[in-house]
Protein backbone atom coordinates (compact mmCIF):
# COMPACT_ATOMS: atom_id res chain seq x y z
CA SER A 1 53.89 -9.66 -119.27
CA GLN A 2 56.62 -7.47 -117.75
CA LEU A 3 55.94 -4.15 -116.32
CA THR A 4 58.35 -1.65 -117.95
CA SER A 5 58.95 1.97 -116.74
CA GLY A 6 57.09 3.94 -118.94
CA SER A 7 54.68 1.54 -120.62
CA GLY A 8 52.98 -0.17 -118.05
CA GLU A 9 52.47 -4.10 -118.23
CA GLN A 10 53.56 -5.29 -121.73
CA PHE A 11 53.48 -9.21 -123.16
CA ARG A 12 57.05 -10.12 -123.85
CA ALA A 13 56.41 -13.79 -124.41
CA PRO A 14 53.54 -15.97 -125.89
CA LYS A 15 50.91 -16.97 -123.43
CA PRO A 16 51.26 -20.04 -121.42
CA ASP A 17 50.01 -23.36 -122.48
CA ALA A 18 49.06 -26.60 -120.92
CA GLU A 19 52.11 -28.05 -121.77
CA LEU A 20 53.56 -25.58 -119.45
CA VAL A 21 54.40 -25.02 -115.52
CA ILE A 22 54.14 -21.71 -114.12
CA VAL A 23 55.51 -21.11 -110.59
CA ASP A 24 53.97 -18.01 -108.66
CA PRO A 25 55.97 -16.16 -106.12
CA ALA A 26 52.95 -15.68 -103.83
CA GLY A 27 52.95 -14.02 -100.67
CA LEU A 28 51.91 -15.75 -97.59
CA ASN A 29 49.57 -13.35 -96.25
CA TYR A 30 47.60 -13.29 -99.83
CA ILE A 31 47.54 -16.98 -99.82
CA GLN A 32 46.40 -17.40 -96.08
CA VAL A 33 44.10 -14.07 -95.42
CA ASP A 34 43.70 -11.94 -98.65
CA GLY A 35 43.03 -14.10 -101.30
CA PRO A 36 43.57 -13.52 -104.90
CA ARG A 37 41.62 -10.48 -105.57
CA HIS A 38 44.15 -8.32 -103.60
CA ALA A 39 47.47 -9.51 -104.75
CA GLY A 40 49.71 -7.18 -107.40
CA GLY A 41 52.59 -7.17 -109.24
CA ALA A 42 53.93 -10.30 -110.52
CA SER A 43 51.61 -12.49 -108.73
CA GLY A 44 48.47 -10.36 -109.86
CA ALA A 45 49.35 -10.83 -113.49
CA ILE A 46 49.19 -14.42 -113.18
CA TYR A 47 45.94 -14.50 -111.31
CA ARG A 48 44.44 -12.39 -113.81
CA PHE A 49 45.41 -14.88 -116.90
CA LEU A 50 44.55 -17.85 -114.64
CA GLY A 51 40.73 -15.84 -114.11
CA ILE A 52 41.08 -15.79 -110.28
CA HIS A 53 41.76 -12.16 -109.82
CA GLU A 54 38.65 -11.89 -108.22
CA HIS A 55 38.29 -14.90 -105.95
CA ASP A 56 38.41 -14.05 -102.33
CA CYS A 57 40.84 -16.98 -101.43
CA PHE A 58 42.63 -19.62 -102.75
CA PRO A 59 41.78 -23.18 -103.25
CA LEU A 60 41.64 -25.63 -99.82
CA ASP A 61 44.46 -27.43 -100.98
CA VAL A 62 46.82 -24.36 -101.42
CA ILE A 63 45.38 -22.95 -98.38
CA VAL A 64 46.59 -26.16 -96.52
CA SER A 65 49.54 -26.68 -97.96
CA ILE A 66 50.99 -23.29 -97.61
CA GLN A 67 51.46 -22.67 -93.84
CA SER A 68 54.72 -20.67 -93.97
CA GLU A 69 57.76 -19.03 -95.98
CA LEU A 70 59.57 -21.45 -98.20
CA ASP A 71 56.08 -24.07 -98.63
CA ALA A 72 54.78 -24.56 -102.27
CA LYS A 73 52.28 -26.58 -103.74
CA LEU A 74 51.21 -27.35 -107.09
CA TYR A 75 47.48 -26.78 -108.42
CA THR A 76 45.84 -27.78 -111.48
CA TYR A 77 43.37 -24.59 -112.54
CA GLY A 78 41.37 -25.66 -115.88
CA ASP A 79 44.60 -26.86 -118.03
CA VAL A 80 47.22 -24.93 -116.41
CA GLN A 81 49.77 -25.98 -113.72
CA VAL A 82 50.88 -23.76 -111.11
CA ILE A 83 52.89 -23.82 -108.52
CA HIS A 84 52.43 -21.19 -105.65
CA ALA A 85 55.61 -20.68 -103.73
CA VAL A 86 56.56 -18.32 -100.79
CA GLY A 87 60.23 -17.18 -100.78
CA PRO A 88 61.90 -15.67 -97.49
CA ASP A 89 60.74 -12.44 -96.67
CA PHE A 90 64.56 -10.96 -95.88
CA ARG A 91 62.69 -7.48 -94.63
CA SER A 92 62.00 -9.21 -91.41
CA GLU A 93 64.10 -9.05 -88.58
CA ALA A 94 65.02 -12.53 -88.48
CA TYR A 95 67.40 -12.00 -91.40
CA ALA A 96 68.42 -8.97 -90.14
CA ASP A 97 72.04 -10.62 -89.54
CA MET A 98 71.87 -13.30 -92.22
CA ASP A 99 74.85 -13.24 -94.84
CA GLU A 100 74.60 -13.73 -98.20
CA VAL A 101 75.98 -17.81 -97.72
CA ALA A 102 72.92 -18.37 -95.43
CA ALA A 103 70.30 -16.25 -97.46
CA ILE A 104 71.60 -18.86 -100.45
CA GLU A 105 70.63 -21.36 -98.22
CA THR A 106 67.35 -19.98 -96.99
CA LEU A 107 65.95 -19.52 -100.93
CA SER A 108 67.62 -23.11 -101.42
CA LEU A 109 64.88 -24.63 -99.52
CA ALA A 110 62.03 -22.76 -101.04
CA TYR A 111 63.47 -23.71 -104.51
CA TYR A 112 63.51 -27.25 -103.63
CA ASN A 113 60.35 -27.12 -102.99
CA VAL A 114 59.26 -25.92 -106.23
CA LEU A 115 61.80 -28.28 -107.95
CA GLN A 116 60.00 -31.28 -105.94
CA GLU A 117 56.56 -29.95 -107.38
CA TYR A 118 57.59 -29.08 -110.84
CA ALA A 119 59.05 -33.09 -110.84
CA SER A 120 55.78 -34.27 -110.01
CA SER A 121 53.82 -32.33 -112.19
CA GLY A 122 55.17 -35.01 -115.17
CA MET A 123 55.44 -31.61 -117.51
CA PHE A 124 58.91 -30.84 -119.13
CA ARG A 125 58.81 -26.82 -120.01
CA MET A 126 58.83 -24.09 -116.61
CA ARG A 127 58.51 -20.17 -116.28
CA LEU A 128 60.08 -19.73 -112.94
CA LEU A 129 59.55 -16.55 -111.75
CA PRO A 130 62.10 -15.18 -108.79
CA LEU A 131 61.14 -16.08 -105.24
CA SER A 132 61.72 -13.02 -102.65
CA GLY A 133 61.78 -10.51 -105.55
CA GLY A 134 60.80 -6.75 -105.30
CA ILE A 135 59.95 -5.60 -101.63
CA PHE A 136 60.48 -9.06 -100.16
CA SER A 137 64.44 -8.92 -101.24
CA GLY A 138 64.94 -6.33 -98.29
CA ARG A 139 68.80 -5.50 -98.25
CA PHE A 140 69.76 -8.11 -100.41
CA ALA A 141 67.82 -6.49 -103.73
CA LYS A 142 70.96 -5.85 -105.49
CA LYS A 143 72.34 -9.28 -104.91
CA LEU A 144 69.12 -11.14 -105.62
CA PRO A 145 70.51 -12.64 -108.94
CA GLY A 146 73.41 -14.18 -107.96
CA LEU A 147 71.61 -15.48 -104.76
CA THR A 148 68.60 -16.98 -106.92
CA ILE A 149 71.05 -18.94 -109.64
CA GLY A 150 73.20 -20.39 -106.52
CA ALA A 151 70.10 -21.14 -104.42
CA LEU A 152 68.71 -22.73 -107.60
CA ALA A 153 72.06 -24.63 -108.01
CA GLN A 154 72.02 -26.13 -104.05
CA ALA A 155 67.93 -27.01 -104.61
CA PHE A 156 69.35 -29.08 -107.11
CA THR A 157 71.61 -31.12 -105.22
CA ARG A 158 69.47 -31.44 -102.53
CA LEU A 159 66.92 -33.45 -105.00
CA ASP A 160 66.82 -37.24 -105.22
CA ALA A 161 67.89 -38.89 -108.03
CA ALA A 162 64.65 -39.32 -109.75
CA CYS A 163 64.16 -35.62 -109.56
CA GLN A 164 67.14 -34.58 -110.80
CA ARG A 165 66.69 -36.75 -113.69
CA HIS A 166 63.61 -35.05 -114.29
CA VAL A 167 65.00 -31.70 -114.31
CA MET A 168 67.30 -32.29 -116.88
CA LYS A 169 65.23 -33.74 -119.05
CA SER A 170 63.76 -30.20 -119.40
CA VAL A 171 63.08 -29.02 -122.82
CA SER A 172 63.03 -25.61 -121.06
CA ILE A 173 63.32 -24.05 -117.90
CA GLU A 174 62.92 -20.22 -118.64
CA LEU A 175 63.55 -17.67 -115.79
CA CYS A 176 60.87 -14.59 -116.13
CA ILE A 177 61.26 -11.11 -114.81
CA PHE A 178 58.49 -9.31 -114.21
CA LEU A 179 60.44 -5.65 -113.50
CA GLU A 180 61.92 -4.65 -116.72
CA ASP A 181 64.74 -2.95 -113.85
CA GLU A 182 65.23 -6.15 -112.79
CA PHE A 183 66.04 -7.61 -116.22
CA ALA A 184 69.58 -6.86 -116.61
CA GLY A 185 70.86 -8.01 -113.55
CA PHE A 186 69.63 -11.37 -113.55
CA SER A 187 70.66 -11.52 -117.60
CA GLY A 188 74.17 -10.89 -116.33
CA ALA A 189 74.12 -13.54 -113.54
CA LEU A 190 72.71 -16.33 -116.61
CA GLN A 191 75.42 -15.04 -119.27
CA ARG A 192 78.28 -15.42 -116.30
CA VAL A 193 76.96 -19.36 -115.69
CA GLN A 194 76.57 -19.69 -119.37
CA GLN A 195 79.88 -18.61 -120.33
CA VAL A 196 81.36 -21.52 -118.36
CA LEU A 197 78.89 -24.03 -119.13
CA SER A 198 80.09 -23.06 -123.07
CA PRO A 199 83.05 -21.01 -122.89
CA GLN A 200 83.84 -21.49 -126.33
CA ALA A 201 80.50 -19.52 -126.76
CA SER A 202 81.04 -15.52 -127.47
CA PRO A 203 79.68 -12.67 -125.09
CA SER A 204 77.14 -11.89 -127.63
CA ALA A 205 75.48 -15.26 -127.92
CA ALA A 206 75.57 -15.76 -124.67
CA GLY A 207 73.81 -12.38 -124.16
CA ALA A 208 71.22 -13.90 -127.19
CA ALA A 209 70.57 -16.97 -125.22
CA ALA A 210 69.70 -14.68 -121.93
CA GLU A 211 67.46 -12.33 -123.70
CA GLY A 212 66.12 -14.75 -126.35
CA ALA A 213 62.97 -13.75 -128.36
CA THR A 214 60.65 -13.35 -125.37
CA SER A 215 61.34 -11.53 -121.92
CA PRO A 216 62.40 -15.19 -120.09
CA ALA A 217 66.20 -15.59 -119.78
CA SER A 218 66.84 -19.52 -120.41
CA LEU A 219 68.20 -21.40 -117.41
CA GLY A 220 69.45 -23.73 -119.81
CA SER A 221 67.68 -26.50 -122.02
CA ARG A 222 68.26 -29.68 -123.94
CA PRO A 223 69.32 -29.97 -127.44
CA SER A 224 66.02 -29.66 -129.97
CA SER A 225 64.70 -33.19 -131.11
CA ALA A 226 64.15 -31.87 -134.12
CA GLY A 227 67.43 -32.13 -135.68
CA GLY A 228 70.36 -30.47 -134.21
CA SER A 229 70.72 -27.95 -131.39
CA ASP A 230 69.23 -24.62 -131.11
CA PRO A 231 72.11 -22.12 -131.01
CA GLN A 232 70.26 -19.52 -128.85
CA ARG A 233 70.05 -22.05 -126.03
CA ALA A 234 73.08 -23.16 -123.66
CA VAL A 235 74.51 -26.51 -123.77
CA ALA A 236 73.30 -29.33 -121.29
CA PHE A 237 75.23 -29.89 -118.30
CA GLU A 238 75.38 -33.89 -119.00
CA ASP A 239 76.10 -32.95 -122.89
CA LEU A 240 79.33 -31.33 -122.03
CA PRO A 241 82.72 -33.29 -121.91
CA PRO A 242 84.40 -34.26 -118.48
CA GLU A 243 86.87 -31.18 -118.31
CA GLN A 244 84.15 -28.75 -118.83
CA GLN A 245 81.76 -30.38 -116.33
CA ALA A 246 84.86 -29.77 -114.32
CA LEU A 247 84.62 -25.98 -114.90
CA ALA A 248 81.29 -26.04 -114.65
CA LEU A 249 81.47 -26.89 -110.88
CA ASP A 250 83.08 -23.74 -109.25
CA PRO A 251 82.16 -20.78 -110.86
CA VAL A 252 82.40 -17.54 -108.81
CA ILE A 253 79.00 -15.80 -108.48
CA GLY A 254 79.69 -12.29 -106.40
CA GLU A 255 81.55 -8.90 -106.58
CA ARG A 256 84.74 -10.57 -105.33
CA PRO A 257 86.42 -13.93 -105.90
CA GLY A 258 85.86 -16.32 -103.14
CA THR A 259 82.82 -14.69 -102.25
CA GLY A 260 80.43 -16.97 -104.21
CA VAL A 261 79.05 -20.43 -103.70
CA SER A 262 79.31 -23.77 -105.50
CA MET A 263 77.23 -23.95 -109.02
CA LEU A 264 75.53 -26.87 -110.41
CA ARG A 265 76.69 -29.52 -108.34
CA ILE A 266 74.74 -32.39 -110.14
CA GLY A 267 75.09 -35.87 -108.49
CA GLN A 268 78.06 -37.98 -109.76
CA PRO A 269 80.99 -37.32 -111.17
CA TYR A 270 81.70 -34.68 -108.98
CA SER A 271 85.25 -32.25 -109.85
CA PRO A 272 88.03 -34.53 -110.02
CA ARG A 273 89.93 -31.97 -108.19
CA LYS A 274 88.01 -31.69 -104.98
CA PRO A 275 85.65 -34.34 -102.81
CA PRO A 276 81.94 -33.42 -102.77
CA PRO A 277 80.90 -30.57 -100.92
CA ASP A 278 79.31 -30.60 -97.29
CA ILE A 279 76.59 -28.32 -97.09
CA SER A 280 76.46 -27.81 -93.40
CA VAL A 281 75.17 -24.24 -92.83
CA MET A 282 71.93 -25.43 -92.98
CA SER A 283 70.87 -29.00 -94.23
CA SER A 284 67.07 -28.91 -94.18
CA MET A 285 64.08 -26.46 -93.73
CA GLU A 286 63.62 -27.87 -90.08
CA THR A 287 67.07 -26.50 -89.49
CA VAL A 288 66.19 -23.07 -91.20
CA LYS A 289 62.83 -22.70 -89.35
CA ALA A 290 64.60 -23.40 -86.04
CA LEU A 291 67.22 -20.67 -86.74
CA VAL A 292 64.87 -18.20 -87.55
CA LYS A 293 63.03 -18.98 -84.82
CA GLN A 294 66.00 -18.42 -82.32
CA LYS A 295 67.05 -15.60 -83.70
CA GLN A 296 63.60 -13.95 -83.22
CA LYS A 297 63.49 -15.49 -79.75
CA GLN A 298 66.54 -13.32 -78.88
CA SER A 299 65.87 -10.49 -80.63
CA SER A 300 62.56 -9.53 -78.95
CA PRO A 301 61.87 -7.15 -76.60
CA ARG A 302 60.21 -9.35 -73.83
CA ALA A 303 63.39 -11.98 -74.13
CA VAL A 304 65.36 -9.06 -73.31
CA ARG A 305 63.27 -8.21 -70.43
CA LYS A 306 63.38 -11.77 -69.66
CA LYS A 307 67.06 -11.06 -68.41
CA GLN A 308 65.74 -8.11 -66.27
CA GLU A 309 62.53 -9.55 -64.83
CA ILE A 310 61.02 -12.41 -62.42
CA MET A 311 58.86 -13.92 -65.24
CA PRO A 312 55.37 -15.80 -64.36
CA TRP A 313 56.70 -19.41 -64.47
CA HIS A 314 59.43 -18.50 -61.78
CA GLY A 315 57.04 -18.55 -59.18
CA TRP A 316 56.25 -16.30 -56.48
CA ASP A 317 59.54 -17.06 -54.47
CA ALA A 318 61.97 -16.76 -56.88
CA LYS A 319 64.31 -13.77 -55.83
CA ALA A 320 65.85 -13.37 -59.39
CA PRO A 321 65.50 -14.63 -62.85
CA VAL A 322 66.85 -17.98 -63.70
CA GLU A 323 67.26 -19.97 -66.79
CA ASP A 324 64.73 -22.24 -66.73
CA GLU A 325 64.83 -24.40 -70.08
CA ASP A 326 61.18 -25.91 -68.89
CA ALA A 327 59.65 -22.66 -69.00
CA PRO A 328 56.51 -21.97 -71.52
CA GLU A 329 58.20 -20.63 -74.68
CA ASP A 330 58.13 -16.84 -74.91
CA LYS A 331 55.73 -16.18 -77.53
CA THR A 332 53.25 -18.60 -77.30
CA ALA A 333 52.51 -18.19 -73.70
CA LEU A 334 49.29 -17.15 -72.16
CA HIS A 335 49.17 -16.03 -68.45
CA PHE A 336 46.30 -14.02 -66.36
CA ASP A 337 46.90 -10.55 -65.49
CA ASP A 338 46.52 -10.07 -61.98
CA ALA A 339 45.94 -6.32 -62.53
CA TRP A 340 42.85 -7.06 -64.99
CA LYS A 341 40.57 -9.55 -62.74
CA ALA A 342 37.66 -9.27 -60.87
CA LYS A 343 38.21 -9.66 -56.71
CA THR A 344 35.97 -12.75 -56.75
CA VAL A 345 38.46 -14.66 -59.16
CA LYS A 346 41.46 -16.25 -57.40
CA LEU A 347 44.76 -16.96 -59.99
CA SER A 348 47.32 -19.53 -59.32
CA PRO A 349 50.65 -18.58 -58.54
CA ASP A 350 51.89 -19.21 -61.98
CA ARG A 351 49.03 -17.25 -63.51
CA ILE A 352 47.94 -19.86 -66.05
CA SER A 353 44.74 -20.69 -64.08
CA ALA A 354 41.86 -19.17 -62.76
CA SER A 355 38.90 -20.09 -60.33
CA TRP A 356 35.88 -18.76 -58.81
CA ALA A 357 35.05 -21.96 -56.84
CA LYS A 358 35.49 -20.24 -53.18
CA PHE A 359 33.39 -17.21 -53.75
CA PRO A 360 29.86 -17.15 -54.25
CA TYR A 361 29.72 -15.66 -57.86
CA GLY A 362 32.48 -15.13 -60.73
CA GLY A 363 33.71 -12.31 -62.60
CA MET A 364 36.21 -11.38 -65.60
CA ALA A 365 40.06 -12.54 -66.35
CA MET A 366 42.11 -10.82 -68.83
CA SER A 367 45.23 -12.28 -70.43
CA LEU A 368 48.47 -10.37 -69.61
CA GLU A 369 49.71 -10.94 -72.91
CA PRO A 370 47.97 -9.61 -76.65
CA ILE A 371 46.85 -12.80 -78.73
CA ARG A 372 49.47 -13.24 -81.05
CA LYS A 373 48.59 -12.41 -84.82
CA GLN A 374 48.47 -14.97 -87.12
CA VAL A 375 48.02 -15.06 -90.96
CA ILE A 376 44.74 -16.93 -90.46
CA GLY A 377 43.74 -14.73 -87.68
CA ARG A 378 44.32 -14.79 -83.54
CA TYR A 379 43.57 -18.04 -81.78
CA PHE A 380 43.91 -18.74 -77.94
CA GLU A 381 42.66 -21.83 -76.13
CA ILE A 382 41.27 -22.78 -72.54
CA LEU A 383 41.53 -26.28 -70.73
CA ILE A 384 38.10 -26.68 -68.65
CA ASP A 385 39.21 -27.76 -65.17
CA GLU A 386 36.24 -27.88 -62.74
CA SER A 387 32.44 -27.68 -63.72
CA ASP A 388 29.43 -28.07 -62.08
CA SER A 389 26.04 -28.16 -63.80
CA SER A 390 23.88 -28.90 -60.55
CA ARG A 391 22.96 -25.43 -59.81
CA TRP A 392 23.63 -23.54 -62.74
CA ASN A 393 21.85 -23.25 -66.23
CA ASP A 394 24.50 -20.95 -67.64
CA GLY A 395 28.57 -21.10 -68.05
CA LEU A 396 31.43 -18.87 -68.89
CA GLY A 397 31.62 -16.25 -71.42
CA ILE A 398 34.81 -16.44 -73.72
CA GLY A 399 36.16 -13.56 -76.43
CA VAL A 400 38.68 -10.84 -76.65
CA ALA A 401 39.00 -7.46 -75.54
CA ILE A 402 40.89 -4.20 -76.08
CA LYS A 403 42.26 -3.33 -72.63
CA PRO A 404 41.25 0.01 -71.68
CA SER A 405 42.94 2.24 -68.96
CA LYS A 406 42.23 1.86 -65.33
CA ASP A 407 40.70 5.03 -65.27
CA ALA A 408 37.99 3.72 -67.33
CA LEU A 409 36.90 1.60 -64.38
CA ARG A 410 37.07 4.42 -61.64
CA TYR A 411 33.49 3.86 -60.68
CA HIS A 412 33.69 0.21 -60.29
CA THR A 413 36.84 -0.11 -58.37
CA ASN A 414 37.40 0.42 -54.24
CA HIS A 415 40.04 2.52 -52.25
CA VAL A 416 42.20 -0.32 -53.04
CA GLY A 417 41.63 -0.66 -56.92
CA VAL A 418 39.98 -3.97 -56.78
CA PHE A 419 36.65 -4.26 -58.88
CA GLU A 420 34.06 -6.57 -59.22
CA GLY A 421 31.68 -7.90 -62.26
CA PHE A 422 31.78 -9.24 -65.75
CA ALA A 423 33.88 -8.43 -69.15
CA CYS A 424 30.38 -7.98 -71.21
CA GLU A 425 29.39 -5.11 -68.43
CA LEU A 426 32.90 -3.42 -67.70
CA LEU A 427 34.82 -3.71 -71.01
CA GLU A 428 33.27 -1.02 -73.38
CA LYS A 429 35.40 -2.73 -76.34
CA SER A 430 34.72 -6.56 -75.41
CA TRP A 431 33.42 -9.15 -77.71
CA LEU A 432 32.16 -12.70 -75.91
CA LEU A 433 30.57 -16.06 -76.90
CA GLY A 434 28.84 -18.11 -74.66
CA TYR A 435 26.51 -17.23 -71.21
CA ASP A 436 23.38 -19.36 -71.63
CA GLY A 437 24.30 -20.33 -75.34
CA GLY A 438 22.41 -19.09 -78.86
CA ARG A 439 24.12 -14.91 -78.18
CA GLY A 440 27.16 -13.09 -78.20
CA LYS A 441 27.62 -10.04 -75.70
CA PHE A 442 29.42 -7.44 -78.37
CA CYS A 443 30.61 -4.14 -76.95
CA GLY A 444 27.77 -4.21 -74.35
CA GLN A 445 25.04 -4.82 -76.44
CA THR A 446 23.53 -8.66 -77.01
CA ARG A 447 23.15 -10.32 -80.36
CA TYR A 448 21.24 -13.71 -80.60
CA LEU A 449 23.11 -15.82 -83.06
CA THR A 450 21.62 -17.46 -86.65
CA GLY A 451 20.98 -21.20 -87.49
CA GLY A 452 23.35 -20.42 -89.81
CA GLU A 453 26.19 -19.17 -87.34
CA MET A 454 25.25 -22.68 -85.08
CA ARG A 455 25.32 -25.36 -88.17
CA ASN A 456 25.69 -27.94 -85.11
CA GLY A 457 23.22 -26.56 -82.86
CA ILE A 458 23.20 -24.12 -80.08
CA TRP A 459 26.16 -24.62 -78.02
CA ARG A 460 25.90 -24.19 -74.67
CA PRO A 461 28.57 -23.80 -72.06
CA ARG A 462 27.13 -25.24 -69.15
CA ASP A 463 27.50 -28.77 -71.42
CA LEU A 464 31.06 -28.25 -70.82
CA ARG A 465 32.91 -31.06 -68.47
CA PRO A 466 36.63 -31.11 -67.59
CA GLY A 467 38.99 -31.86 -69.55
CA ASP A 468 37.34 -30.20 -72.53
CA LEU A 469 39.37 -27.80 -74.52
CA VAL A 470 37.39 -24.62 -75.97
CA GLY A 471 39.42 -22.44 -78.84
CA LEU A 472 38.55 -19.09 -80.26
CA LEU A 473 39.84 -18.13 -83.48
CA ILE A 474 38.97 -14.02 -84.72
CA THR A 475 39.19 -13.49 -88.35
CA PRO A 476 41.01 -10.50 -89.74
CA ASP A 477 37.31 -9.58 -91.15
CA GLY A 478 35.85 -9.69 -87.70
CA HIS A 479 34.48 -13.44 -87.47
CA MET A 480 34.59 -15.21 -84.28
CA LEU A 481 34.97 -19.24 -84.92
CA LEU A 482 34.20 -21.06 -81.62
CA PHE A 483 35.68 -24.65 -81.35
CA VAL A 484 35.02 -27.55 -78.93
CA ASN A 485 37.47 -30.49 -78.53
CA GLU A 486 38.62 -28.86 -81.89
CA GLU A 487 34.95 -29.22 -83.90
CA LEU A 488 33.62 -25.85 -84.87
CA ARG A 489 30.26 -25.41 -83.31
CA VAL A 490 30.07 -20.97 -83.43
CA MET A 491 30.41 -19.07 -86.61
CA ALA A 492 29.99 -15.26 -85.70
CA GLN A 493 30.23 -13.33 -88.76
CA HIS A 494 31.29 -9.78 -88.93
CA CYS A 495 31.06 -9.04 -84.89
CA GLU A 496 30.17 -5.49 -84.65
CA GLY A 497 33.78 -3.47 -84.63
CA LEU A 498 35.73 -6.32 -84.29
CA GLU A 499 37.55 -6.31 -87.58
CA LYS A 500 38.76 -2.82 -86.92
CA THR A 501 40.87 -4.24 -84.08
CA TRP A 502 43.52 -5.97 -86.52
CA ASN A 503 46.06 -3.41 -86.12
CA ARG A 504 45.86 -3.31 -82.56
CA SER A 505 46.58 -5.55 -79.75
CA ILE A 506 43.58 -7.46 -78.35
CA PHE A 507 43.91 -9.68 -75.22
CA ALA A 508 41.87 -12.74 -74.26
CA VAL A 509 38.93 -12.29 -71.76
CA LEU A 510 36.72 -14.85 -69.55
CA ASP A 511 33.49 -14.51 -67.78
CA LEU A 512 33.74 -16.91 -65.27
CA ASP A 513 30.52 -17.89 -63.98
CA GLY A 514 27.77 -20.74 -63.62
CA CYS A 515 28.52 -23.80 -64.44
CA THR A 516 32.15 -23.15 -65.28
CA LYS A 517 34.38 -23.21 -62.18
CA SER A 518 37.55 -23.41 -63.14
CA VAL A 519 39.79 -23.05 -65.90
CA HIS A 520 43.39 -22.49 -67.43
CA PHE A 521 45.25 -21.16 -70.48
CA LEU A 522 46.79 -23.32 -73.06
CA GLN A 523 50.37 -22.27 -73.99
CA THR A 524 48.97 -22.27 -77.69
CA ASN A 525 49.04 -18.22 -77.82
CA GLY A 526 48.46 -17.77 -82.25
CA MET A 527 49.06 -21.94 -82.38
CA PRO A 528 45.70 -23.34 -83.44
CA SER A 529 46.21 -27.39 -84.48
CA ARG A 530 46.17 -28.25 -88.04
CA LYS A 531 42.58 -29.89 -87.66
CA VAL A 532 41.65 -26.11 -86.71
CA GLN A 533 43.36 -24.54 -89.29
CA LEU A 534 41.56 -27.18 -91.83
CA LEU A 535 38.38 -26.16 -90.37
CA HIS A 536 38.75 -22.80 -90.77
CA ALA A 537 39.79 -23.36 -94.56
CA GLU A 538 36.65 -25.08 -95.57
CA TYR A 539 34.89 -22.03 -93.75
CA ARG A 540 36.25 -19.84 -95.73
CA GLU A 541 35.62 -21.95 -98.69
CA ALA A 542 31.84 -22.19 -97.97
CA GLU A 543 32.03 -18.69 -97.55
CA HIS A 544 33.57 -17.81 -100.67
CA ASN A 545 30.80 -20.19 -102.30
CA ALA A 546 28.02 -18.29 -100.66
CA LYS A 547 29.23 -15.54 -102.22
CA VAL A 548 29.65 -16.93 -105.77
CA ALA A 549 25.74 -18.04 -105.03
CA ASP A 550 24.74 -14.61 -104.13
CA GLY A 551 26.42 -13.09 -107.67
CA VAL A 552 28.75 -11.23 -105.59
CA ILE A 553 31.92 -13.29 -106.91
CA THR A 554 30.85 -14.04 -110.69
CA LYS A 555 33.64 -16.66 -111.24
CA ASP A 556 34.74 -19.68 -109.71
CA TRP A 557 37.81 -22.02 -110.14
């Protein structure tokens, strides 16, 4: 279907059959969090065709395989094969200073993954929707047609020989344009390529090949096996004579001569006029991600302040900021806030460790940095350093809280602003699990957990030993998933009011008491391990199946 300016969605092409692969230009947030039911645009139309538009989440294989931008995954829904692919979001700050060449390189890695999945499908027909289209194109919106063609060509050059042969044997690869207003731009970009591939064809013939009888614009196909060639299809590259292959290797894509990129460099032989291209800007997906990560780190406000402030890992004796290559990475770091800890809790000089071992009783400690928001939720980890189960039957409380103003604790502080007590008592907006086991403290109220929320039995913090790893995941819909040594122990569902904090900063908070003497933050703020992500995906799938069983959702994949 195609979204027109006046008549809404209209069907422009026959419905896909079992012999065709569809490419879904998915959004990462929809894959990981929102699910198909909240998607719109081209993806929404695809999900309606597949019958998954009412589902809360995608299949487990899709969620696990697509963890970041540029990822792609082939999945079969009934008889239809779909490649879910996430292109770069050019609106983000990471791409703010990126030029067209770098944008093509980045986009080509996403298409490389798409073509890899297509080659593994065994099919020879594909409907390809442009990635990073619509709102995701950012400042490249007007140039996206040319960028798309260039990225597809570079993606092809990255494939191994077997995948290249599969692509070249395709009966058809159609570029499907969902927005009617964008069709002319993509059609024009394809016509320029087709005129180079087949210079003897007239402009009108090239236009017919671009428009065809349906909305999809043909990217090129082999001659029809049923006698002769289809006059409305572009001639395949391998069927061109050598002199026309040479012309096809270097068309100019762009508004000015010399600003385009090399196109259709399809293995041997290369152009006799110059050696093979040296693609050295970005040679792999890892390179792209590293550059994007470096750009984000350099442009973040915290990175700017780093040059002016003494950071916690510089130590208390540092007189001026110094560059420390071994310092924890800024975005994944967690430190305790010296201004938000009880008098009875002592912090290490680097503010990573907290202990009440030298005092008769414990207290609360809160993180300095907010917990990073990721597509699956917010996650942090602590490591148990010291415990003593000989005297106490309870242990720590672990959770999150909204940091209030200091004035909120005015009745609990002394004349120098020091306070004593626990987060579950002092902080109005706090959500914690643990203590003596089997219950949580949510906004000052106690809630006993059900058997379904503790499927492996009651988790008791008094059982924690030095070296144990405790992780907490806060999902966007207000669930708290607690992991011990990467094993899911507590699934507190719909914690009162927690779902309303998704657009606010929340901080890690601990109530240190009982058996738990000393802990320290691991520098994994917002970065759960792959095993934790898999357990979270299984939990979401089980939650979806329960909704199907209860009749909340009427269809299942």
